[in-house]
C-alpha atoms as a PDB file:
ATOM      1  CA  UNK A   1     -99.859  27.838  90.537  1.00  0.00           C
ATOM      2  CA  UNK A   2     -98.919  31.486  90.343  1.00  0.00           C
ATOM      3  CA  UNK A   3    -101.445  34.342  90.326  1.00  0.00           C
ATOM      4  CA  UNK A   4    -104.274  31.916  89.650  1.00  0.00           C
ATOM      5  CA  UNK A   5    -102.787  30.530  86.424  1.00  0.00           C
ATOM      6  CA  UNK A   6    -101.137  27.214  85.706  1.00  0.00           C
ATOM      7  CA  UNK A   7     -97.338  27.069  85.747  1.00  0.00           C
ATOM      8  CA  UNK A   8     -97.246  24.607  82.881  1.00  0.00           C
ATOM      9  CA  UNK A   9     -95.225  25.771  79.871  1.00  0.00           C
ATOM     10  CA  UNK A  10     -97.419  23.906  77.400  1.00  0.00           C
ATOM     11  CA  UNK A  11    -100.220  26.412  78.022  1.00  0.00           C
ATOM     12  CA  UNK A  12     -98.233  28.772  75.780  1.00  0.00           C
ATOM     13  CA  UNK A  13     -98.983  26.451  72.851  1.00  0.00           C
ATOM     14  CA  UNK A  14    -102.617  27.490  73.069  1.00  0.00           C
ATOM     15  CA  UNK A  15    -101.832  31.126  72.206  1.00  0.00           C
ATOM     16  CA  UNK A  16    -101.568  30.345  68.457  1.00  0.00           C
ATOM     17  CA  UNK A  17    -104.783  28.330  68.750  1.00  0.00           C
ATOM     18  CA  UNK A  18    -106.662  31.325  70.144  1.00  0.00           C
ATOM     19  CA  UNK A  19    -105.126  33.724  67.609  1.00  0.00           C
ATOM     20  CA  UNK A  20    -105.893  31.362  64.723  1.00  0.00           C
ATOM     21  CA  UNK A  21    -109.658  31.806  65.145  1.00  0.00           C
ATOM     22  CA  UNK A  22    -109.812  35.532  64.198  1.00  0.00           C
ATOM     23  CA  UNK A  23    -106.701  35.773  62.011  1.00  0.00           C
ATOM     24  CA  UNK A  24    -106.337  32.283  60.515  1.00  0.00           C
ATOM     25  CA  UNK A  25    -108.878  32.714  57.697  1.00  0.00           C
ATOM     26  CA  UNK A  26    -107.131  35.864  56.479  1.00  0.00           C
ATOM     27  CA  UNK A  27    -103.709  34.211  56.647  1.00  0.00           C
ATOM     28  CA  UNK A  28    -104.913  31.131  54.786  1.00  0.00           C
ATOM     29  CA  UNK A  29    -106.716  33.248  52.180  1.00  0.00           C
ATOM     30  CA  UNK A  30    -103.446  35.069  51.563  1.00  0.00           C
ATOM     31  CA  UNK A  31    -101.623  31.753  51.310  1.00  0.00           C
ATOM     32  CA  UNK A  32    -104.160  30.591  48.721  1.00  0.00           C
ATOM     33  CA  UNK A  33    -103.484  33.723  46.681  1.00  0.00           C
ATOM     34  CA  UNK A  34     -99.712  33.137  46.964  1.00  0.00           C
ATOM     35  CA  UNK A  35    -100.121  29.551  45.784  1.00  0.00           C
ATOM     36  CA  UNK A  36    -102.192  30.677  42.805  1.00  0.00           C
ATOM     37  CA  UNK A  37     -99.746  33.421  41.788  1.00  0.00           C
ATOM     38  CA  UNK A  38     -96.556  31.413  42.325  1.00  0.00           C
ATOM     39  CA  UNK A  39     -97.246  27.732  41.810  1.00  0.00           C
ATOM     40  CA  UNK A  40     -94.565  25.501  43.185  1.00  0.00           C
ATOM     41  CA  UNK A  41     -93.476  23.458  46.143  1.00  0.00           C
ATOM     42  CA  UNK A  42     -92.368  26.359  48.348  1.00  0.00           C
ATOM     43  CA  UNK A  43     -95.757  28.121  48.505  1.00  0.00           C
ATOM     44  CA  UNK A  44     -97.596  24.839  49.026  1.00  0.00           C
ATOM     45  CA  UNK A  45     -95.191  23.814  51.775  1.00  0.00           C
ATOM     46  CA  UNK A  46     -95.793  27.084  53.643  1.00  0.00           C
ATOM     47  CA  UNK A  47     -99.546  26.540  53.257  1.00  0.00           C
ATOM     48  CA  UNK A  48     -99.173  23.304  55.197  1.00  0.00           C
ATOM     49  CA  UNK A  49     -96.550  24.397  57.744  1.00  0.00           C
ATOM     50  CA  UNK A  50     -98.188  27.688  58.729  1.00  0.00           C
ATOM     51  CA  UNK A  51    -101.362  26.223  60.292  1.00  0.00           C
ATOM     52  CA  UNK A  52     -99.558  23.169  61.676  1.00  0.00           C
ATOM     53  CA  UNK A  53     -99.111  24.452  65.254  1.00  0.00           C
ATOM     54  CA  UNK A  54    -102.586  25.921  65.865  1.00  0.00           C
ATOM     55  CA  UNK A  55    -104.454  23.090  64.179  1.00  0.00           C
ATOM     56  CA  UNK A  56    -102.173  20.400  65.606  1.00  0.00           C
ATOM     57  CA  UNK A  57    -102.371  21.660  69.196  1.00  0.00           C
ATOM     58  CA  UNK A  58    -106.132  22.060  69.061  1.00  0.00           C
ATOM     59  CA  UNK A  59    -106.478  18.572  67.540  1.00  0.00           C
ATOM     60  CA  UNK A  60    -104.447  17.079  70.360  1.00  0.00           C
ATOM     61  CA  UNK A  61    -106.578  18.968  72.887  1.00  0.00           C
ATOM     62  CA  UNK A  62    -109.716  17.551  71.264  1.00  0.00           C
ATOM     63  CA  UNK A  63    -108.492  13.954  71.301  1.00  0.00           C
ATOM     64  CA  UNK A  64    -106.659  13.803  74.647  1.00  0.00           C
ATOM     65  CA  UNK A  65    -107.067  12.457  77.279  1.00  0.00           C
ATOM     66  CA  UNK A  66    -107.544   9.094  75.679  1.00  0.00           C
ATOM     67  CA  UNK A  67    -109.247   7.475  78.672  1.00  0.00           C
ATOM     68  CA  UNK A  68    -112.343   9.689  78.379  1.00  0.00           C
ATOM     69  CA  UNK A  69    -115.058   8.723  75.909  1.00  0.00           C
ATOM     70  CA  UNK A  70    -115.333  10.937  72.842  1.00  0.00           C
ATOM     71  CA  UNK A  71    -118.500  11.907  71.074  1.00  0.00           C
ATOM     72  CA  UNK A  72    -118.375  11.589  67.327  1.00  0.00           C
ATOM     73  CA  UNK A  73    -120.491  14.737  67.002  1.00  0.00           C
ATOM     74  CA  UNK A  74    -117.855  16.791  68.820  1.00  0.00           C
ATOM     75  CA  UNK A  75    -115.016  15.516  66.642  1.00  0.00           C
ATOM     76  CA  UNK A  76    -116.958  16.000  63.405  1.00  0.00           C
ATOM     77  CA  UNK A  77    -118.009  19.498  64.457  1.00  0.00           C
ATOM     78  CA  UNK A  78    -114.422  20.397  65.353  1.00  0.00           C
ATOM     79  CA  UNK A  79    -113.156  19.068  62.033  1.00  0.00           C
ATOM     80  CA  UNK A  80    -115.796  20.915  59.998  1.00  0.00           C
ATOM     81  CA  UNK A  81    -115.491  24.264  61.783  1.00  0.00           C
ATOM     82  CA  UNK A  82    -111.872  24.566  62.890  1.00  0.00           C
ATOM     83  CA  UNK A  83    -110.062  22.566  60.228  1.00  0.00           C
ATOM     84  CA  UNK A  84    -112.253  22.939  57.162  1.00  0.00           C
ATOM     85  CA  UNK A  85    -114.006  26.258  57.863  1.00  0.00           C
ATOM     86  CA  UNK A  86    -111.174  28.285  59.364  1.00  0.00           C
ATOM     87  CA  UNK A  87    -108.188  26.721  57.604  1.00  0.00           C
ATOM     88  CA  UNK A  88    -109.025  24.967  54.319  1.00  0.00           C
ATOM     89  CA  UNK A  89    -112.003  26.943  52.982  1.00  0.00           C
ATOM     90  CA  UNK A  90    -110.277  30.375  53.018  1.00  0.00           C
ATOM     91  CA  UNK A  91    -107.264  28.861  51.214  1.00  0.00           C
ATOM     92  CA  UNK A  92    -109.509  27.379  48.525  1.00  0.00           C
ATOM     93  CA  UNK A  93    -111.429  30.650  48.147  1.00  0.00           C
ATOM     94  CA  UNK A  94    -108.233  32.709  47.844  1.00  0.00           C
ATOM     95  CA  UNK A  95    -106.735  30.274  45.342  1.00  0.00           C
ATOM     96  CA  UNK A  96    -109.951  30.015  43.324  1.00  0.00           C
ATOM     97  CA  UNK A  97    -110.608  33.753  43.232  1.00  0.00           C
ATOM     98  CA  UNK A  98    -107.070  34.436  42.052  1.00  0.00           C
ATOM     99  CA  UNK A  99    -107.303  31.791  39.331  1.00  0.00           C
ATOM    100  CA  UNK A 100    -110.655  33.174  38.141  1.00  0.00           C
ATOM    101  CA  UNK A 101    -109.325  36.748  38.025  1.00  0.00           C
ATOM    102  CA  UNK A 102    -106.264  35.622  36.044  1.00  0.00           C
ATOM    103  CA  UNK A 103    -108.438  33.641  33.627  1.00  0.00           C
ATOM    104  CA  UNK A 104    -110.796  36.584  33.065  1.00  0.00           C
ATOM    105  CA  UNK A 105    -107.891  38.993  32.532  1.00  0.00           C
ATOM    106  CA  UNK A 106    -106.259  36.576  30.105  1.00  0.00           C
ATOM    107  CA  UNK A 107    -109.485  36.104  28.138  1.00  0.00           C
ATOM    108  CA  UNK A 108    -110.057  39.861  28.024  1.00  0.00           C
ATOM    109  CA  UNK A 109    -106.504  40.458  26.818  1.00  0.00           C
ATOM    110  CA  UNK A 110    -106.849  37.798  24.117  1.00  0.00           C
ATOM    111  CA  UNK A 111    -110.197  39.237  23.032  1.00  0.00           C
ATOM    112  CA  UNK A 112    -108.646  42.691  22.663  1.00  0.00           C
ATOM    113  CA  UNK A 113    -105.790  41.185  20.698  1.00  0.00           C
ATOM    114  CA  UNK A 114    -103.159  42.325  23.162  1.00  0.00           C
ATOM    115  CA  UNK A 115    -101.847  38.867  23.915  1.00  0.00           C
ATOM    116  CA  UNK A 116    -101.489  37.231  27.274  1.00  0.00           C
ATOM    117  CA  UNK A 117    -100.486  39.199  30.343  1.00  0.00           C
ATOM    118  CA  UNK A 118     -98.995  38.066  33.621  1.00  0.00           C
ATOM    119  CA  UNK A 119    -100.417  38.730  37.094  1.00  0.00           C
ATOM    120  CA  UNK A 120     -99.131  42.308  37.100  1.00  0.00           C
ATOM    121  CA  UNK A 121    -100.859  43.162  33.822  1.00  0.00           C
ATOM    122  CA  UNK A 122     -97.642  43.232  31.799  1.00  0.00           C
ATOM    123  CA  UNK A 123     -96.804  41.075  28.846  1.00  0.00           C
ATOM    124  CA  UNK A 124     -94.222  38.365  29.439  1.00  0.00           C
ATOM    125  CA  UNK A 125     -90.839  39.335  28.017  1.00  0.00           C
ATOM    126  CA  UNK A 126     -91.728  43.023  28.077  1.00  0.00           C
ATOM    127  CA  UNK A 127     -88.912  43.826  30.475  1.00  0.00           C
ATOM    128  CA  UNK A 128     -91.227  45.031  33.214  1.00  0.00           C
ATOM    129  CA  UNK A 129     -92.376  48.567  32.719  1.00  0.00           C
ATOM    130  CA  UNK A 130     -91.443  51.479  30.551  1.00  0.00           C
ATOM    131  CA  UNK A 131     -89.042  54.281  31.113  1.00  0.00           C
ATOM    132  CA  UNK A 132     -85.651  55.190  29.736  1.00  0.00           C
ATOM    133  CA  UNK A 133     -83.543  52.209  28.855  1.00  0.00           C
ATOM    134  CA  UNK A 134     -86.413  49.750  28.900  1.00  0.00           C
ATOM    135  CA  UNK A 135     -88.207  48.075  26.057  1.00  0.00           C
ATOM    136  CA  UNK A 136     -87.201  47.159  22.552  1.00  0.00           C
ATOM    137  CA  UNK A 137     -85.983  50.566  21.447  1.00  0.00           C
ATOM    138  CA  UNK A 138     -83.312  50.914  24.143  1.00  0.00           C
ATOM    139  CA  UNK A 139     -79.792  51.092  22.850  1.00  0.00           C
END
């Protein structure tokens, strides 16, 4: 023991666990938005890998040591608050809010007769913005 703290290296694994409580919901909300804007395996894979260390380490700390009796209330409370509340719920809210905004923008664009737009508000195939040399009239 040095300076009153444990010399065990595995204590460093708890740093992401502590940081996940205040910052994890924002990170997972952003990951939900990324998954809604760019559907595919890569965004979904990062949504799983990013919280793996903080959630995995805290899960192991909840379950170990195995020789001590566990209370079901403690495990259910941990799962509902730390896993579902801090990790899954913000992802679902970010994904859902982004999908709703895209659906409303698409319906509004169809109602105006402008056709469908992408996430940036531009029409697909438009070439991305105006300016000299862009668009259909460029030679």
